[in-house]
Amino acid sequence: MGKSPRGIVPSFPQKIGTPAPWGASFALSPVDREPARRRAYALREVSRSLLMAYELGGHFPGLITCGLPLTQGEWVSLALYEGEEVVARATGIRTCGSVWACPVCAPVEADRRGEALARVVARRWAQGWRVAHAVLTVRHTRGQGLEAVFRVLSQAWRRMTSH
């Protein structure tokens, strides 16, 4: 591991296909995180203002209320946790949890899912399993039916796993 102005940088093997070392972190340092966090909160406010026009139809209720108190007029609690770094947590705030549309909730949910995946992989590795992780995507358009997309994906999977 090497030092950089941004913190610890994992040193990776040069050969493509070689796994990264266990515990390698791709997280931003607290200094780098702050502008990204500010930008995400600002984007959420822009999103809320744009989506408010659709509120009457009952559309996007989670996105519109994300970041607001759970109940109007209720108090929001703040707590500070001190460890390697001081972390502030707020409770009593509504979150939408949208990984697709919310710039604040998406990275939080991605971190949560990544941590869950890392725990499963570590457990299986400790049990002697060989572990591989693949993310498969397929190019498609809004007009394509889900059945057609799954058919193409299934064919590709069969071809990939039959050899």
Protein backbone atom coordinates (compact mmCIF):
# COMPACT_ATOMS: atom_id res chain seq x y z
CA MET A 1 0.00 0.00 0.00
CA GLY A 2 1.34 3.43 -0.91
CA LYS A 3 0.61 6.87 0.48
CA SER A 4 -0.86 9.64 -1.63
CA PRO A 5 -2.28 13.10 -0.90
CA ARG A 6 -5.72 11.47 -0.85
CA GLY A 7 -4.85 8.72 1.60
CA ILE A 8 -3.90 5.10 1.22
CA VAL A 9 -3.79 3.82 -2.34
CA PRO A 10 -3.91 0.04 -2.79
CA SER A 11 -1.16 -1.33 -5.01
CA PHE A 12 -2.59 -3.82 -7.46
CA PRO A 13 -0.96 -6.59 -9.46
CA GLN A 14 -0.18 -5.56 -13.04
CA LYS A 15 -1.58 -8.72 -14.62
CA ILE A 16 -5.17 -8.35 -15.81
CA GLY A 17 -7.50 -10.87 -14.22
CA THR A 18 -5.51 -11.10 -11.00
CA PRO A 19 -7.75 -10.36 -8.03
CA ALA A 20 -7.22 -7.24 -5.95
CA PRO A 21 -5.85 -7.82 -2.46
CA TRP A 22 -8.35 -8.54 0.30
CA GLY A 23 -9.35 -5.41 2.11
CA ALA A 24 -8.41 -3.09 -0.77
CA SER A 25 -10.45 0.05 -0.39
CA PHE A 26 -11.70 2.26 -3.18
CA ALA A 27 -13.45 4.67 -0.82
CA LEU A 28 -12.75 8.36 -0.98
CA SER A 29 -10.96 10.04 1.88
CA PRO A 30 -13.07 12.39 4.05
CA VAL A 31 -11.52 15.38 2.24
CA ASP A 32 -12.52 14.03 -1.18
CA ARG A 33 -15.95 12.91 0.02
CA GLU A 34 -17.17 16.34 1.09
CA PRO A 35 -17.53 17.98 -2.37
CA ALA A 36 -19.25 14.84 -3.68
CA ARG A 37 -21.63 14.86 -0.73
CA ARG A 38 -22.44 18.56 -1.19
CA ARG A 39 -23.08 17.97 -4.89
CA ALA A 40 -25.37 15.00 -4.14
CA TYR A 41 -27.45 17.02 -1.66
CA ALA A 42 -27.70 19.91 -4.13
CA LEU A 43 -28.79 17.54 -6.91
CA ARG A 44 -31.44 16.06 -4.61
CA GLU A 45 -32.85 19.55 -4.02
CA VAL A 46 -32.93 20.23 -7.77
CA SER A 47 -34.63 16.88 -8.32
CA ARG A 48 -37.19 17.65 -5.61
CA SER A 49 -38.03 21.04 -7.15
CA LEU A 50 -38.44 19.52 -10.62
CA LEU A 51 -40.57 16.61 -9.40
CA MET A 52 -42.87 18.74 -7.21
CA ALA A 53 -45.01 19.43 -10.29
CA TYR A 54 -45.91 15.73 -10.34
CA GLU A 55 -46.71 15.49 -6.63
CA LEU A 56 -50.45 16.00 -7.10
CA GLY A 57 -50.66 12.85 -9.20
CA GLY A 58 -48.97 10.81 -6.49
CA HIS A 59 -45.86 10.29 -8.58
CA PHE A 60 -42.37 10.10 -7.05
CA PRO A 61 -43.45 10.43 -3.40
CA GLY A 62 -40.22 8.93 -2.09
CA LEU A 63 -37.97 11.15 -4.18
CA ILE A 64 -39.91 14.30 -3.31
CA THR A 65 -39.80 13.67 0.45
CA CYS A 66 -36.27 12.23 0.65
CA GLY A 67 -34.23 14.17 3.21
CA LEU A 68 -37.24 15.72 4.92
CA PRO A 69 -38.34 14.97 8.51
CA LEU A 70 -40.42 11.78 8.84
CA THR A 71 -43.35 13.73 10.23
CA GLN A 72 -43.92 17.38 9.52
CA GLY A 73 -43.08 19.45 12.59
CA GLU A 74 -41.14 16.61 14.27
CA TRP A 75 -37.62 17.02 15.57
CA VAL A 76 -34.63 15.55 13.83
CA SER A 77 -31.96 14.10 16.14
CA LEU A 78 -28.25 14.52 15.50
CA ALA A 79 -25.52 12.36 17.04
CA LEU A 80 -21.74 12.54 16.78
CA TYR A 81 -19.62 9.39 16.77
CA GLU A 82 -15.89 9.66 17.36
CA GLY A 83 -13.49 7.04 16.08
CA GLU A 84 -10.83 7.32 13.41
CA GLU A 85 -12.90 10.23 12.17
CA VAL A 86 -15.84 12.11 13.62
CA VAL A 87 -19.09 11.06 11.98
CA ALA A 88 -22.43 12.82 12.35
CA ARG A 89 -25.65 10.85 12.01
CA ALA A 90 -29.17 12.20 11.79
CA THR A 91 -32.29 10.25 12.71
CA GLY A 92 -35.90 11.07 11.97
CA ILE A 93 -35.19 11.84 8.32
CA ARG A 94 -37.08 10.21 5.47
CA THR A 95 -35.00 8.42 2.81
CA CYS A 96 -36.23 7.10 -0.51
CA GLY A 97 -33.59 4.39 -0.97
CA SER A 98 -33.68 4.79 -4.75
CA VAL A 99 -30.52 3.38 -6.29
CA TRP A 100 -31.56 4.65 -9.71
CA ALA A 101 -32.78 8.19 -9.14
CA CYS A 102 -31.52 9.64 -5.85
CA PRO A 103 -28.00 11.10 -5.77
CA VAL A 104 -27.92 10.85 -1.95
CA CYS A 105 -29.42 7.39 -1.41
CA ALA A 106 -27.73 5.66 -4.37
CA PRO A 107 -24.16 5.69 -2.98
CA VAL A 108 -25.42 4.78 0.51
CA GLU A 109 -27.29 1.78 -0.87
CA ALA A 110 -24.33 0.83 -3.09
CA ASP A 111 -22.06 0.84 -0.01
CA ARG A 112 -24.56 -1.26 1.95
CA ARG A 113 -24.85 -3.81 -0.86
CA GLY A 114 -21.08 -3.87 -1.36
CA GLU A 115 -20.50 -4.55 2.35
CA ALA A 116 -23.08 -7.36 2.28
CA LEU A 117 -21.44 -8.89 -0.78
CA ALA A 118 -17.98 -8.61 0.80
CA ARG A 119 -19.20 -10.46 3.92
CA VAL A 120 -20.65 -13.30 1.83
CA VAL A 121 -17.52 -13.58 -0.32
CA ALA A 122 -15.23 -13.57 2.75
CA ARG A 123 -17.34 -16.25 4.45
CA ARG A 124 -17.34 -18.51 1.38
CA TRP A 125 -13.61 -17.93 0.82
CA ALA A 126 -12.93 -18.96 4.43
CA GLN A 127 -14.94 -22.14 3.79
CA GLY A 128 -12.62 -23.01 0.92
CA TRP A 129 -14.86 -21.95 -1.93
CA ARG A 130 -13.46 -20.36 -5.06
CA VAL A 131 -15.28 -17.11 -5.58
CA ALA A 132 -16.03 -15.22 -8.78
CA HIS A 133 -18.21 -12.17 -9.15
CA ALA A 134 -19.53 -10.89 -12.46
CA VAL A 135 -21.84 -8.05 -13.30
CA LEU A 136 -23.69 -8.69 -16.54
CA THR A 137 -25.35 -5.93 -18.49
CA VAL A 138 -27.04 -5.91 -21.84
CA ARG A 139 -27.57 -2.93 -24.08
CA HIS A 140 -31.26 -2.24 -24.60
CA THR A 141 -33.64 0.57 -25.37
CA ARG A 142 -36.71 1.79 -23.57
CA GLY A 143 -38.90 0.39 -26.36
CA GLN A 144 -37.62 -3.18 -26.10
CA GLY A 145 -39.76 -5.58 -24.15
CA LEU A 146 -38.32 -7.23 -21.06
CA GLU A 147 -39.02 -10.69 -22.49
CA ALA A 148 -36.82 -10.01 -25.54
CA VAL A 149 -34.00 -8.64 -23.38
CA PHE A 150 -34.10 -11.67 -21.06
CA ARG A 151 -34.17 -14.03 -24.05
CA VAL A 152 -30.96 -12.50 -25.47
CA LEU A 153 -29.33 -12.48 -22.02
CA SER A 154 -30.29 -16.14 -21.45
CA GLN A 155 -28.83 -17.16 -24.81
CA ALA A 156 -25.57 -15.36 -24.03
CA TRP A 157 -25.39 -16.99 -20.60
CA ARG A 158 -25.97 -20.47 -22.06
CA ARG A 159 -23.23 -19.93 -24.63
CA MET A 160 -20.83 -18.61 -22.03
CA THR A 161 -21.35 -21.46 -19.55
CA SER A 162 -21.51 -24.35 -22.04
CA HIS A 163 -17.84 -24.13 -23.11
